Amino acid sequence: MAHGLPPIGRPRLEGKVAIVTGAGSRAPGIGNGRATAVLFAREGARVLLVDREAGPARETLAMIEKEGGEAEVFEADVTVAEDCAAMAARAVDRWGRLDVLHNNVGIGGRGSVVDLDLEEWDRVMRVNVTSMMLASRHAIPAMVRGGGGSIVNISSISALRPRGLTAYSTSKGAVIALTQAMAIDHARDGVRVNCIAPGPVHTPMVASGGMSEELRERRRLASPLQIEGSGWDIGYAALFLASDEARYITGQLLVVDGGVTLASPAR
């Protein structure tokens, strides 16, 4: 995009190729990865739908194809270097380039440093941080060959307001640091790297954890806006950061939380 306004009516990711990791959903509904993949495709991107289980990703594919978009399912474990290399290669083989990487895979982790099992600590770090490093390691060279690109990482407001999820909070803080480091490392390559910190959005992963309606309502009321966030809210933030509209933005953390980090719950 040249300096100035983008063309009116042009899809925001027209001509771009994107990888979305965690593009399926743990349960029926719209999670952050699924929402992002659908929005990327809706805005003209061709999307490689990466998930450890192909079934949920195929459901995302069906949604995209129903709207006339183009995507492909790719089964991979992003904690494995060979899988990350293969997914980047597949995007380039299929569509000739790679422009966007959306690192969405993550798991929770409870407990303090005193009572947390060491294997659990290692697992959270591997899934939440190392996976993003590995995916980026293999995506960035492909982006550079195409003239640049955009990486969007998913952190959490738990990195900013810890609450008894020490391994999770630490890993999500590391995602922010990784984002900033990669933004500096690869700026001259034309690769932008930014980060989203979701607040308490309601997703299938949250619902599958057995959240009560009472707790769900308390979470809604914790927002100064008094509304409940969804996967779509995270997806739209990712769409902006991935697009050329954000061409002058890199190394930044975008908090998408309805204002929760600014105020304590009213009740």
Protein backbone atom coordinates (compact mmCIF):
# COMPACT_ATOMS: atom_id res chain seq x y z
CA MET A 1 0.00 0.00 0.00
CA ALA A 2 1.37 3.42 -0.90
CA HIS A 3 1.47 6.30 1.56
CA GLY A 4 -2.01 7.69 2.14
CA LEU A 5 -5.44 6.12 2.08
CA PRO A 6 -5.97 2.50 0.97
CA PRO A 7 -8.21 1.93 -2.06
CA ILE A 8 -11.90 2.19 -1.19
CA GLY A 9 -13.71 -1.13 -1.15
CA ARG A 10 -10.62 -3.28 -1.52
CA PRO A 11 -10.55 -6.36 0.76
CA ARG A 12 -8.09 -5.68 3.57
CA LEU A 13 -6.00 -8.82 2.96
CA GLU A 14 -6.48 -9.15 -0.77
CA GLY A 15 -3.70 -11.18 -2.39
CA LYS A 16 -2.16 -12.21 0.92
CA VAL A 17 -1.46 -15.69 2.25
CA ALA A 18 -1.91 -16.33 5.97
CA ILE A 19 -1.24 -19.10 8.45
CA VAL A 20 -3.49 -19.30 11.49
CA THR A 21 -2.40 -21.73 14.20
CA GLY A 22 -5.08 -23.11 16.48
CA ALA A 23 -7.60 -22.51 13.70
CA GLY A 24 -10.04 -25.10 14.98
CA SER A 25 -12.01 -24.95 18.21
CA ARG A 26 -12.00 -27.15 21.30
CA ALA A 27 -15.82 -27.23 21.25
CA PRO A 28 -18.59 -25.99 18.94
CA GLY A 29 -18.63 -22.22 18.58
CA ILE A 30 -16.31 -19.36 17.72
CA GLY A 31 -12.93 -19.27 19.40
CA ASN A 32 -10.19 -16.73 18.78
CA GLY A 33 -8.41 -18.79 16.12
CA ARG A 34 -11.54 -19.74 14.21
CA ALA A 35 -12.83 -16.16 14.22
CA THR A 36 -9.47 -14.86 12.96
CA ALA A 37 -9.28 -17.43 10.18
CA VAL A 38 -12.80 -16.66 8.98
CA LEU A 39 -12.18 -12.90 9.02
CA PHE A 40 -8.85 -13.25 7.20
CA ALA A 41 -10.54 -15.28 4.46
CA ARG A 42 -13.50 -12.91 4.35
CA GLU A 43 -11.06 -10.08 3.68
CA GLY A 44 -9.37 -11.84 0.77
CA ALA A 45 -6.58 -13.90 2.32
CA ARG A 46 -5.92 -17.51 1.44
CA VAL A 47 -5.57 -19.23 4.79
CA LEU A 48 -3.70 -22.31 5.97
CA LEU A 49 -5.74 -23.62 8.91
CA VAL A 50 -3.26 -25.23 11.27
CA ASP A 51 -4.40 -27.36 14.17
CA ARG A 52 -3.18 -30.40 16.06
CA GLU A 53 -6.51 -32.06 15.25
CA ALA A 54 -7.79 -31.82 11.69
CA GLY A 55 -11.47 -32.28 12.57
CA PRO A 56 -12.09 -28.90 14.23
CA ALA A 57 -10.06 -27.17 11.54
CA ARG A 58 -12.26 -28.76 8.88
CA GLU A 59 -15.26 -27.12 10.54
CA THR A 60 -13.52 -23.77 10.17
CA LEU A 61 -12.77 -24.64 6.54
CA ALA A 62 -16.45 -25.35 5.92
CA MET A 63 -17.38 -21.92 7.29
CA ILE A 64 -14.84 -20.23 5.03
CA GLU A 65 -15.84 -22.15 1.92
CA LYS A 66 -19.51 -21.43 2.58
CA GLU A 67 -18.66 -17.73 2.25
CA GLY A 68 -16.64 -18.31 -0.91
CA GLY A 69 -13.22 -18.05 0.72
CA GLU A 70 -10.13 -20.17 0.06
CA ALA A 71 -8.36 -22.19 2.75
CA GLU A 72 -6.74 -25.52 3.48
CA VAL A 73 -6.44 -27.63 6.62
CA PHE A 74 -2.96 -28.55 7.81
CA GLU A 75 -2.54 -30.90 10.75
CA ALA A 76 0.51 -30.00 12.85
CA ASP A 77 1.89 -29.77 16.37
CA VAL A 78 3.48 -26.33 16.55
CA THR A 79 5.73 -27.37 19.44
CA VAL A 80 7.59 -29.55 16.92
CA ALA A 81 10.14 -27.77 14.72
CA GLU A 82 9.62 -30.10 11.77
CA ASP A 83 5.88 -29.46 11.79
CA CYS A 84 6.43 -25.69 11.80
CA ALA A 85 8.83 -25.98 8.88
CA ALA A 86 6.31 -28.12 7.01
CA MET A 87 3.40 -25.73 7.53
CA ALA A 88 5.38 -22.73 6.24
CA ALA A 89 6.52 -24.78 3.25
CA ARG A 90 2.96 -25.91 2.54
CA ALA A 91 1.62 -22.34 2.47
CA VAL A 92 4.31 -21.35 -0.02
CA ASP A 93 3.89 -24.50 -2.12
CA ARG A 94 0.13 -24.03 -2.31
CA TRP A 95 -0.09 -20.28 -2.86
CA GLY A 96 3.40 -19.11 -3.75
CA ARG A 97 4.06 -16.81 -0.81
CA LEU A 98 3.50 -16.15 2.90
CA ASP A 99 2.45 -12.77 4.26
CA VAL A 100 0.79 -13.30 7.65
CA LEU A 101 1.36 -15.59 10.63
CA HIS A 102 -1.17 -15.61 13.45
CA ASN A 103 0.22 -17.43 16.52
CA ASN A 104 -2.88 -18.41 18.46
CA VAL A 105 -2.03 -21.70 20.20
CA GLY A 106 -2.03 -21.64 23.99
CA ILE A 107 -2.95 -23.54 27.15
CA GLY A 108 -3.62 -22.61 30.77
CA GLY A 109 -1.65 -23.44 33.87
CA ARG A 110 -2.49 -22.98 37.56
CA GLY A 111 -0.42 -22.85 40.72
CA SER A 112 2.45 -20.88 42.24
CA VAL A 113 6.17 -21.56 41.87
CA VAL A 114 5.99 -23.41 45.18
CA ASP A 115 3.37 -25.99 44.25
CA LEU A 116 3.53 -26.10 40.44
CA ASP A 117 4.72 -29.37 38.95
CA LEU A 118 7.93 -28.84 36.95
CA GLU A 119 6.69 -30.90 34.01
CA GLU A 120 3.57 -28.73 33.87
CA TRP A 121 5.70 -25.57 33.90
CA ASP A 122 7.77 -26.89 31.00
CA ARG A 123 4.64 -27.89 29.06
CA VAL A 124 3.06 -24.43 29.41
CA MET A 125 6.24 -22.72 28.28
CA ARG A 126 6.66 -25.08 25.34
CA VAL A 127 3.09 -24.67 24.10
CA ASN A 128 2.65 -20.96 24.80
CA VAL A 129 6.09 -19.57 23.96
CA THR A 130 8.33 -22.04 22.16
CA SER A 131 5.59 -22.79 19.62
CA MET A 132 5.50 -19.12 18.60
CA MET A 133 9.27 -19.01 18.28
CA LEU A 134 9.31 -22.11 16.10
CA ALA A 135 6.42 -21.01 13.90
CA SER A 136 8.03 -17.60 13.42
CA ARG A 137 11.48 -19.09 12.76
CA HIS A 138 10.13 -20.90 9.71
CA ALA A 139 7.61 -18.29 8.57
CA ILE A 140 9.89 -15.25 8.57
CA PRO A 141 12.28 -16.40 5.80
CA ALA A 142 9.29 -17.00 3.52
CA MET A 143 7.90 -13.55 4.36
CA VAL A 144 11.25 -11.92 3.64
CA ARG A 145 11.40 -13.57 0.22
CA GLY A 146 8.03 -12.01 -0.55
CA GLY A 147 9.00 -8.53 0.58
CA GLY A 148 7.82 -8.59 4.19
CA GLY A 149 4.87 -9.62 6.30
CA SER A 150 3.03 -9.42 9.59
CA ILE A 151 3.07 -11.66 12.66
CA VAL A 152 0.36 -11.42 15.30
CA ASN A 153 0.92 -13.20 18.62
CA ILE A 154 -1.72 -13.88 21.25
CA SER A 155 -0.79 -13.02 24.84
CA SER A 156 -3.27 -12.35 27.69
CA ILE A 157 -4.12 -9.71 30.26
CA SER A 158 -2.96 -12.33 32.77
CA ALA A 159 0.53 -11.10 31.87
CA LEU A 160 -0.50 -7.66 33.12
CA ARG A 161 -2.70 -8.70 36.06
CA PRO A 162 -1.51 -12.04 37.51
CA ARG A 163 -4.15 -13.98 39.45
CA GLY A 164 -2.87 -17.33 40.62
CA LEU A 165 -1.95 -18.66 37.17
CA THR A 166 1.79 -18.24 37.53
CA ALA A 167 3.01 -20.44 34.68
CA TYR A 168 0.36 -19.06 32.34
CA SER A 169 1.01 -15.42 33.33
CA THR A 170 4.76 -15.89 32.94
CA SER A 171 4.40 -17.50 29.53
CA LYS A 172 2.12 -14.74 28.30
CA GLY A 173 4.55 -12.12 29.56
CA ALA A 174 7.25 -13.92 27.60
CA VAL A 175 5.05 -13.68 24.49
CA ILE A 176 5.05 -9.90 24.86
CA ALA A 177 8.85 -9.84 25.20
CA LEU A 178 9.23 -12.21 22.25
CA THR A 179 6.98 -9.97 20.17
CA GLN A 180 9.08 -6.89 20.89
CA ALA A 181 12.38 -8.71 20.29
CA MET A 182 11.23 -10.11 16.93
CA ALA A 183 9.86 -6.69 15.94
CA ILE A 184 13.33 -5.20 16.33
CA ASP A 185 15.16 -8.19 14.84
CA HIS A 186 13.15 -8.25 11.63
CA ALA A 187 12.03 -4.65 11.07
CA ARG A 188 14.60 -4.13 8.32
CA ASP A 189 13.24 -7.23 6.62
CA GLY A 190 9.82 -5.57 6.40
CA VAL A 191 8.31 -7.96 8.94
CA ARG A 192 6.05 -6.38 11.54
CA VAL A 193 5.37 -8.22 14.81
CA ASN A 194 2.58 -7.27 17.19
CA CYS A 195 0.70 -8.81 20.07
CA ILE A 196 -2.88 -8.97 21.34
CA ALA A 197 -3.74 -9.38 25.02
CA PRO A 198 -7.33 -10.69 25.24
CA GLY A 199 -9.36 -10.09 28.34
CA PRO A 200 -12.05 -12.42 29.68
CA VAL A 201 -13.69 -13.23 26.34
CA HIS A 202 -16.19 -16.07 26.19
CA THR A 203 -14.98 -18.81 23.85
CA PRO A 204 -15.62 -22.54 23.46
CA MET A 205 -12.42 -23.23 25.42
CA VAL A 206 -13.75 -21.17 28.33
CA ALA A 207 -17.19 -22.77 28.10
CA SER A 208 -15.73 -26.28 28.01
CA GLY A 209 -14.00 -25.58 31.31
CA GLY A 210 -17.34 -25.74 33.10
CA MET A 211 -17.88 -22.02 33.68
CA SER A 212 -21.18 -21.32 35.46
CA GLU A 213 -23.64 -18.74 34.18
CA GLU A 214 -23.13 -16.83 37.44
CA LEU A 215 -19.40 -16.55 36.86
CA ARG A 216 -19.95 -15.67 33.22
CA GLU A 217 -22.20 -12.80 34.29
CA ARG A 218 -19.64 -11.59 36.84
CA ARG A 219 -17.03 -11.55 34.11
CA ARG A 220 -19.32 -9.45 31.92
CA LEU A 221 -19.94 -6.97 34.72
CA ALA A 222 -16.19 -6.69 35.37
CA SER A 223 -15.91 -4.72 32.14
CA PRO A 224 -16.55 -0.97 32.42
CA LEU A 225 -18.42 -1.38 29.13
CA GLN A 226 -20.67 -4.01 30.76
CA ILE A 227 -20.46 -6.23 27.69
CA GLU A 228 -19.05 -9.69 27.08
CA GLY A 229 -16.14 -10.16 24.70
CA SER A 230 -16.06 -12.90 22.08
CA GLY A 231 -13.65 -14.54 19.69
CA TRP A 232 -14.78 -12.09 17.02
CA ASP A 233 -13.39 -9.19 19.05
CA ILE A 234 -9.96 -10.81 19.05
CA GLY A 235 -10.29 -11.72 15.38
CA TYR A 236 -11.03 -8.16 14.32
CA ALA A 237 -8.02 -6.89 16.27
CA ALA A 238 -5.84 -9.48 14.54
CA LEU A 239 -7.28 -8.51 11.16
CA PHE A 240 -6.28 -4.89 11.69
CA LEU A 241 -2.75 -5.74 12.82
CA ALA A 242 -2.29 -8.16 9.90
CA SER A 243 -3.48 -5.65 7.32
CA ASP A 244 -1.59 -2.84 5.61
CA GLU A 245 -3.69 -0.42 7.65
CA ALA A 246 -1.25 -1.21 10.47
CA ARG A 247 1.87 -0.79 8.31
CA TYR A 248 3.36 1.75 10.77
CA ILE A 249 2.74 -0.40 13.85
CA THR A 250 5.23 -2.94 15.17
CA GLY A 251 6.34 -4.24 18.56
CA GLN A 252 3.08 -3.18 20.17
CA LEU A 253 0.65 -4.77 22.62
CA LEU A 254 -3.04 -4.26 21.85
CA VAL A 255 -5.20 -4.96 24.91
CA VAL A 256 -8.68 -6.17 23.95
CA ASP A 257 -10.49 -6.48 27.26
CA GLY A 258 -13.43 -4.08 27.47
CA GLY A 259 -11.43 -1.96 29.89
CA VAL A 260 -11.03 -4.69 32.53
CA THR A 261 -7.36 -3.92 33.19
CA LEU A 262 -8.27 -0.31 33.98
CA ALA A 263 -10.79 -0.99 36.73
CA SER A 264 -11.68 -3.50 39.39
CA PRO A 265 -15.09 -5.22 39.17
CA ALA A 266 -17.91 -2.96 40.29
CA ARG A 267 -19.63 -5.76 42.18
